[in-house]
Amino acid sequence: MAAIVNVAVQMDHISTVNITGDSTFAMSLEAQNRGYKLFHYTPDQLSLRDGAVIATVEPMELRDEKGNHYTLGAPERVDLSTMDVVLLRQDPPFDMAYITSTHLLERIHPKTLVVNDPAWVRNSPEKIFVTEFPDLMPRTLITKDPKEIARFREEMGDIILKPLYGNGGAGVFHSTRDDRNMSSLLEMFGQMFREPFIAQEYLPAVRKGDKRIILIDGKPVGAINRVPAETDSRSNMHVGGRAEATELTAREEEICARIGPSLRDRGFLLVGIDVIGDKLTEINVTSPTGIREVKRFGGADIAALLWDAIEAKRA
């Protein structure tokens, strides 16, 4: 009889997820279908005690039924090093709480396989990691200096301004060259964020979609195009973007081939990149999404491919 594989999932609480499009749910459901035993915990239940990484976990059973998608068992306090796999899957923001989680989980990896590698998650912030490939990107500025941003906008014309460690389209602004609100916007950003901001040249091609490409162990396995609503510059689906089927272009294949070795070197088994037109805008390594949408539109079963890769890594 095969040994039971124990999988702990560090995530936002299972009660809060929308299973229609939630990648963590898809990954966990596939693990359950393979006979693995699932345990659920949220980041605030993670502790370090006398060198041991402890969490209060709950056994988890899943069902692909909206409104009736989970059952949690009695809480139990466990040493996470006794788990076989930990999925690091809570959503950003990528703040000090997130960074602390990676420091703690690094203590048990790779004996317990943490997906993705916590040290490299910490050292590869999604909007900074991508700057290692400047020739693939739109023109980009990272700064908190208003004069630098003003100079950049004067040169670029339309720009996108967003928080460096934000997520999900929150705080993303499209500013035109003659936008008189920029000073007020920078004042607000300065009050809200201690970190620098990121400004990028506006890519008109976003009106045709922002493509999410999923890579497993550095190789592209599926994609979905996300088209923004007519009244919004953001394509994120939870703010009104529309998903549609798509195929990879030759340029997108080239982008994946360029970044693939860096992803494999850092132990990133699951990555989601964003491409607008022919430009790479983000490399998402924390909790990339899009798995269920790809399958819904007739693409690969990425959750199954991920667990194939995890099993190969453990072997």
Protein backbone atom coordinates (compact mmCIF):
# COMPACT_ATOMS: atom_id res chain seq x y z
CA MET A 1 0.00 0.00 0.00
CA ALA A 2 1.35 3.44 -0.95
CA ALA A 3 2.21 5.74 1.95
CA ILE A 4 -0.21 8.56 2.71
CA VAL A 5 1.05 11.92 1.48
CA ASN A 6 0.28 14.74 3.92
CA VAL A 7 -0.22 18.17 2.33
CA ALA A 8 -0.60 21.36 4.40
CA VAL A 9 -2.08 24.35 2.59
CA GLN A 10 -1.19 27.82 3.93
CA MET A 11 -3.90 30.00 2.46
CA ASP A 12 -6.55 32.62 3.06
CA HIS A 13 -9.38 30.87 4.87
CA ILE A 14 -11.11 28.28 2.69
CA SER A 15 -14.48 29.82 3.54
CA THR A 16 -13.52 33.01 1.66
CA VAL A 17 -12.52 31.53 -1.69
CA ASN A 18 -14.64 31.65 -4.84
CA ILE A 19 -14.14 28.12 -6.14
CA THR A 20 -15.19 29.09 -9.67
CA GLY A 21 -11.82 30.67 -10.31
CA ASP A 22 -9.63 29.81 -7.33
CA SER A 23 -6.36 28.12 -8.23
CA THR A 24 -5.57 27.04 -4.66
CA PHE A 25 -8.89 25.19 -4.54
CA ALA A 26 -8.10 23.48 -7.87
CA MET A 27 -4.63 22.44 -6.68
CA SER A 28 -5.98 21.13 -3.38
CA LEU A 29 -8.87 19.27 -5.03
CA GLU A 30 -6.41 17.50 -7.35
CA ALA A 31 -4.28 16.50 -4.36
CA GLN A 32 -7.35 15.07 -2.66
CA ASN A 33 -8.30 13.18 -5.83
CA ARG A 34 -4.84 11.56 -5.74
CA GLY A 35 -5.51 10.27 -2.24
CA TYR A 36 -3.40 12.83 -0.39
CA LYS A 37 -4.49 13.97 3.05
CA LEU A 38 -5.12 17.73 3.19
CA PHE A 39 -4.60 20.07 6.13
CA HIS A 40 -5.71 23.70 6.14
CA TYR A 41 -4.23 26.64 8.05
CA THR A 42 -4.03 30.41 7.71
CA PRO A 43 -0.77 32.40 8.01
CA ASP A 44 -1.62 33.73 11.48
CA GLN A 45 -1.55 30.14 12.78
CA LEU A 46 2.13 29.72 11.89
CA SER A 47 4.66 29.76 14.77
CA LEU A 48 8.34 29.15 15.47
CA ARG A 49 8.94 27.43 18.82
CA ASP A 50 12.43 26.37 19.95
CA GLY A 51 13.52 25.86 16.34
CA ALA A 52 10.39 23.96 15.29
CA VAL A 53 7.89 25.40 12.78
CA ILE A 54 4.44 24.80 14.27
CA ALA A 55 0.95 25.37 12.91
CA THR A 56 -2.56 24.69 14.15
CA VAL A 57 -4.06 22.83 11.20
CA GLU A 58 -7.45 21.39 10.40
CA PRO A 59 -8.00 18.30 8.25
CA MET A 60 -9.76 19.46 5.08
CA GLU A 61 -12.12 17.73 2.69
CA LEU A 62 -13.18 19.48 -0.50
CA ARG A 63 -16.15 19.26 -2.86
CA ASP A 64 -16.51 21.05 -6.18
CA GLU A 65 -19.91 22.40 -5.13
CA LYS A 66 -20.43 26.13 -4.84
CA GLY A 67 -21.71 27.02 -1.38
CA ASN A 68 -20.83 23.56 -0.05
CA HIS A 69 -17.18 23.26 -0.99
CA TYR A 70 -15.38 22.24 2.20
CA THR A 71 -15.44 20.48 5.56
CA LEU A 72 -12.82 21.13 8.23
CA GLY A 73 -12.00 18.69 10.99
CA ALA A 74 -10.86 19.27 14.57
CA PRO A 75 -7.84 21.58 14.95
CA GLU A 76 -4.55 19.96 15.80
CA ARG A 77 -1.14 21.44 16.57
CA VAL A 78 1.55 19.92 14.33
CA ASP A 79 5.22 20.31 13.50
CA LEU A 80 5.12 21.20 9.80
CA SER A 81 8.36 19.29 9.20
CA THR A 82 6.21 16.14 9.53
CA MET A 83 4.29 17.14 6.42
CA ASP A 84 5.37 15.96 2.98
CA VAL A 85 4.36 19.10 1.09
CA VAL A 86 3.37 22.64 2.12
CA LEU A 87 1.59 24.81 -0.44
CA LEU A 88 2.44 28.49 0.22
CA ARG A 89 -0.72 29.99 -1.22
CA GLN A 90 -2.04 32.98 0.71
CA ASP A 91 -2.68 36.03 -1.46
CA PRO A 92 -0.42 39.08 -1.24
CA PRO A 93 0.11 41.95 -0.33
CA PHE A 94 3.75 41.03 -0.16
CA ASP A 95 4.36 42.70 3.18
CA MET A 96 6.45 41.91 6.27
CA ALA A 97 3.89 39.30 7.37
CA TYR A 98 4.34 37.51 4.06
CA ILE A 99 8.11 37.80 4.28
CA THR A 100 8.09 36.42 7.83
CA SER A 101 6.15 33.38 6.60
CA THR A 102 8.88 32.67 4.07
CA HIS A 103 11.57 32.90 6.77
CA LEU A 104 9.73 30.36 8.91
CA LEU A 105 8.90 27.95 6.08
CA GLU A 106 12.49 28.10 4.88
CA ARG A 107 13.40 26.21 8.10
CA ILE A 108 11.59 23.06 6.86
CA HIS A 109 12.32 23.23 3.11
CA PRO A 110 13.35 21.16 1.15
CA LYS A 111 12.95 18.15 3.48
CA THR A 112 9.32 19.16 3.51
CA LEU A 113 8.79 20.47 -0.02
CA VAL A 114 7.40 24.01 0.10
CA VAL A 115 5.82 25.17 -3.17
CA ASN A 116 7.06 27.65 -4.21
CA ASP A 117 10.54 27.69 -2.60
CA PRO A 118 10.05 30.21 0.25
CA ALA A 119 13.54 31.75 0.10
CA TRP A 120 13.19 32.51 -3.58
CA VAL A 121 9.63 33.77 -3.14
CA ARG A 122 11.03 36.24 -0.62
CA ASN A 123 13.91 37.25 -2.88
CA SER A 124 11.84 37.59 -6.07
CA PRO A 125 9.16 40.26 -5.53
CA GLU A 126 6.93 40.04 -8.56
CA LYS A 127 7.36 43.56 -9.88
CA ILE A 128 11.12 43.57 -9.18
CA PHE A 129 12.04 40.07 -10.38
CA VAL A 130 10.71 40.97 -13.83
CA THR A 131 13.20 43.85 -14.11
CA GLU A 132 15.94 41.26 -14.62
CA PHE A 133 14.62 41.10 -18.19
CA PRO A 134 14.48 44.79 -19.18
CA ASP A 135 14.48 44.09 -22.92
CA LEU A 136 11.24 42.09 -22.52
CA MET A 137 9.45 44.76 -20.47
CA PRO A 138 7.72 48.09 -21.05
CA ARG A 139 9.76 51.10 -19.95
CA THR A 140 9.69 51.00 -16.14
CA LEU A 141 10.58 53.24 -13.21
CA ILE A 142 10.72 52.21 -9.52
CA THR A 143 10.96 55.21 -7.21
CA LYS A 144 9.28 57.31 -4.56
CA ASP A 145 10.70 60.56 -5.95
CA PRO A 146 7.89 62.71 -7.43
CA LYS A 147 10.37 64.52 -9.67
CA GLU A 148 11.50 61.24 -11.20
CA ILE A 149 7.89 60.23 -11.83
CA ALA A 150 7.11 63.63 -13.39
CA ARG A 151 10.17 63.29 -15.63
CA PHE A 152 9.13 59.76 -16.60
CA ARG A 153 5.57 60.81 -17.47
CA GLU A 154 6.83 63.73 -19.53
CA GLU A 155 8.94 61.31 -21.54
CA MET A 156 6.41 58.47 -21.80
CA GLY A 157 3.15 60.40 -22.07
CA ASP A 158 0.53 58.04 -20.64
CA ILE A 159 1.76 55.92 -17.72
CA ILE A 160 0.48 53.30 -15.30
CA LEU A 161 1.23 53.98 -11.63
CA LYS A 162 0.80 51.26 -9.00
CA PRO A 163 2.10 50.18 -5.58
CA LEU A 164 5.26 48.09 -5.83
CA TYR A 165 3.95 45.31 -3.60
CA GLY A 166 0.24 45.48 -4.44
CA ASN A 167 -1.85 42.78 -6.04
CA GLY A 168 -5.09 42.08 -7.82
CA GLY A 169 -5.25 45.43 -9.58
CA ALA A 170 -5.63 47.37 -6.33
CA GLY A 171 -4.24 50.90 -6.51
CA VAL A 172 -3.53 50.80 -10.26
CA PHE A 173 -3.95 54.17 -11.99
CA HIS A 174 -3.71 55.21 -15.64
CA SER A 175 -2.39 58.76 -15.84
CA THR A 176 -2.21 60.79 -19.04
CA ARG A 177 0.41 63.43 -19.76
CA ASP A 178 -2.04 66.27 -18.95
CA ASP A 179 -3.58 64.61 -15.86
CA ARG A 180 -3.81 67.33 -13.20
CA ASN A 181 -4.43 64.82 -10.43
CA MET A 182 -0.91 63.38 -10.44
CA SER A 183 0.40 65.49 -7.54
CA SER A 184 -2.58 64.55 -5.38
CA LEU A 185 -2.21 60.91 -6.39
CA LEU A 186 1.47 60.88 -5.38
CA GLU A 187 0.62 62.53 -2.07
CA MET A 188 -1.96 59.79 -1.41
CA PHE A 189 0.49 57.05 -2.38
CA GLY A 190 3.11 58.60 -0.12
CA GLN A 191 0.71 58.46 2.83
CA MET A 192 -0.39 54.90 2.08
CA PHE A 193 2.91 53.21 1.23
CA ARG A 194 6.37 53.42 2.78
CA GLU A 195 7.83 51.58 -0.20
CA PRO A 196 8.63 53.03 -3.64
CA PHE A 197 6.02 52.98 -6.39
CA ILE A 198 6.27 51.52 -9.86
CA ALA A 199 5.50 53.50 -13.01
CA GLN A 200 5.37 51.94 -16.48
CA GLU A 201 4.67 53.24 -19.93
CA TYR A 202 1.00 52.71 -20.78
CA LEU A 203 0.53 49.94 -23.33
CA PRO A 204 -2.56 50.59 -25.51
CA ALA A 205 -2.54 46.88 -26.39
CA VAL A 206 -4.10 46.24 -22.96
CA ARG A 207 -7.48 47.06 -24.53
CA LYS A 208 -7.12 43.76 -26.41
CA GLY A 209 -6.21 41.93 -23.23
CA ASP A 210 -3.62 41.14 -20.59
CA LYS A 211 -2.56 37.53 -21.13
CA ARG A 212 -1.89 35.31 -18.10
CA ILE A 213 0.49 32.48 -19.01
CA ILE A 214 1.02 29.62 -16.55
CA LEU A 215 4.40 27.90 -16.39
CA ILE A 216 5.16 24.63 -14.59
CA ASP A 217 8.84 24.12 -13.75
CA GLY A 218 9.78 26.83 -16.24
CA LYS A 219 7.69 25.60 -19.19
CA PRO A 220 4.43 27.17 -20.46
CA VAL A 221 1.42 24.88 -20.06
CA GLY A 222 -1.56 27.16 -20.64
CA ALA A 223 -2.84 30.70 -21.00
CA ILE A 224 -5.94 32.82 -20.69
CA ASN A 225 -6.57 36.30 -22.05
CA ARG A 226 -8.14 38.82 -19.68
CA VAL A 227 -9.89 41.73 -21.37
CA PRO A 228 -10.60 44.85 -19.30
CA ALA A 229 -14.09 46.30 -19.01
CA GLU A 230 -14.74 49.29 -21.26
CA THR A 231 -14.70 51.64 -18.27
CA ASP A 232 -11.53 50.26 -16.61
CA SER A 233 -7.84 50.04 -17.43
CA ARG A 234 -7.41 46.90 -15.28
CA SER A 235 -7.95 43.42 -16.65
CA ASN A 236 -8.09 41.52 -13.34
CA MET A 237 -11.19 39.35 -13.42
CA HIS A 238 -12.39 40.23 -9.91
CA VAL A 239 -12.61 43.89 -10.97
CA GLY A 240 -14.62 43.19 -14.12
CA GLY A 241 -12.12 41.74 -16.60
CA ARG A 242 -13.45 39.13 -19.02
CA ALA A 243 -11.64 35.84 -19.61
CA GLU A 244 -11.34 34.43 -23.11
CA ALA A 245 -9.55 31.52 -24.75
CA THR A 246 -6.17 32.22 -26.31
CA GLU A 247 -3.05 30.64 -27.78
CA LEU A 248 0.59 31.58 -27.28
CA THR A 249 2.21 33.73 -29.96
CA ALA A 250 5.78 33.23 -31.15
CA ARG A 251 6.81 36.26 -29.07
CA GLU A 252 5.20 34.78 -25.95
CA GLU A 253 6.96 31.47 -26.55
CA GLU A 254 10.21 33.46 -26.80
CA ILE A 255 9.49 35.24 -23.50
CA CYS A 256 8.82 31.91 -21.75
CA ALA A 257 12.01 30.39 -23.17
CA ARG A 258 14.02 33.38 -21.90
CA ILE A 259 12.73 33.33 -18.34
CA GLY A 260 12.30 29.55 -17.96
CA PRO A 261 15.88 28.80 -16.82
CA SER A 262 15.67 31.48 -14.10
CA LEU A 263 12.38 30.02 -12.85
CA ARG A 264 13.84 26.51 -12.67
CA ASP A 265 17.02 27.73 -10.98
CA ARG A 266 14.88 29.32 -8.24
CA GLY A 267 12.75 26.25 -7.69
CA PHE A 268 9.55 27.89 -8.93
CA LEU A 269 7.22 25.02 -9.81
CA LEU A 270 4.19 27.24 -10.46
CA VAL A 271 4.45 30.72 -11.98
CA GLY A 272 2.00 33.02 -13.73
CA ILE A 273 3.36 35.72 -16.01
CA ASP A 274 1.46 38.67 -17.47
CA VAL A 275 2.02 39.77 -21.05
CA ILE A 276 0.44 42.81 -22.75
CA GLY A 277 1.04 43.01 -26.47
CA ASP A 278 4.63 41.83 -26.78
CA LYS A 279 5.75 43.04 -23.35
CA LEU A 280 6.26 41.10 -20.11
CA THR A 281 4.82 43.09 -17.19
CA GLU A 282 4.92 40.77 -14.14
CA ILE A 283 6.26 37.41 -12.97
CA ASN A 284 3.87 36.14 -10.28
CA VAL A 285 5.44 33.64 -7.87
CA THR A 286 3.42 34.02 -4.65
CA SER A 287 -0.05 32.63 -5.43
CA PRO A 288 -0.54 32.80 -9.21
CA THR A 289 -4.06 32.26 -10.51
CA GLY A 290 -5.67 31.22 -13.78
CA ILE A 291 -5.63 27.42 -13.45
CA ARG A 292 -9.39 26.92 -13.49
CA GLU A 293 -9.97 29.43 -16.30
CA VAL A 294 -7.47 27.67 -18.57
CA LYS A 295 -9.19 24.32 -18.06
CA ARG A 296 -12.67 25.85 -18.43
CA PHE A 297 -11.72 27.12 -21.89
CA GLY A 298 -10.49 23.71 -23.03
CA GLY A 299 -6.84 24.01 -22.03
CA ALA A 300 -4.61 21.77 -19.96
CA ASP A 301 -5.44 20.44 -16.50
CA ILE A 302 -2.71 22.52 -14.86
CA ALA A 303 -3.46 21.30 -11.34
CA ALA A 304 -2.67 17.75 -12.49
CA LEU A 305 0.50 18.90 -14.26
CA LEU A 306 1.60 20.71 -11.10
CA TRP A 307 1.20 17.64 -8.92
CA ASP A 308 3.08 15.58 -11.52
CA ALA A 309 5.94 18.09 -11.13
CA ILE A 310 5.71 18.03 -7.33
CA GLU A 311 5.82 14.23 -7.31
CA ALA A 312 8.85 14.27 -9.62
CA LYS A 313 10.59 16.82 -7.37
CA ARG A 314 9.91 14.74 -4.24
CA ALA A 315 11.19 11.60 -5.97
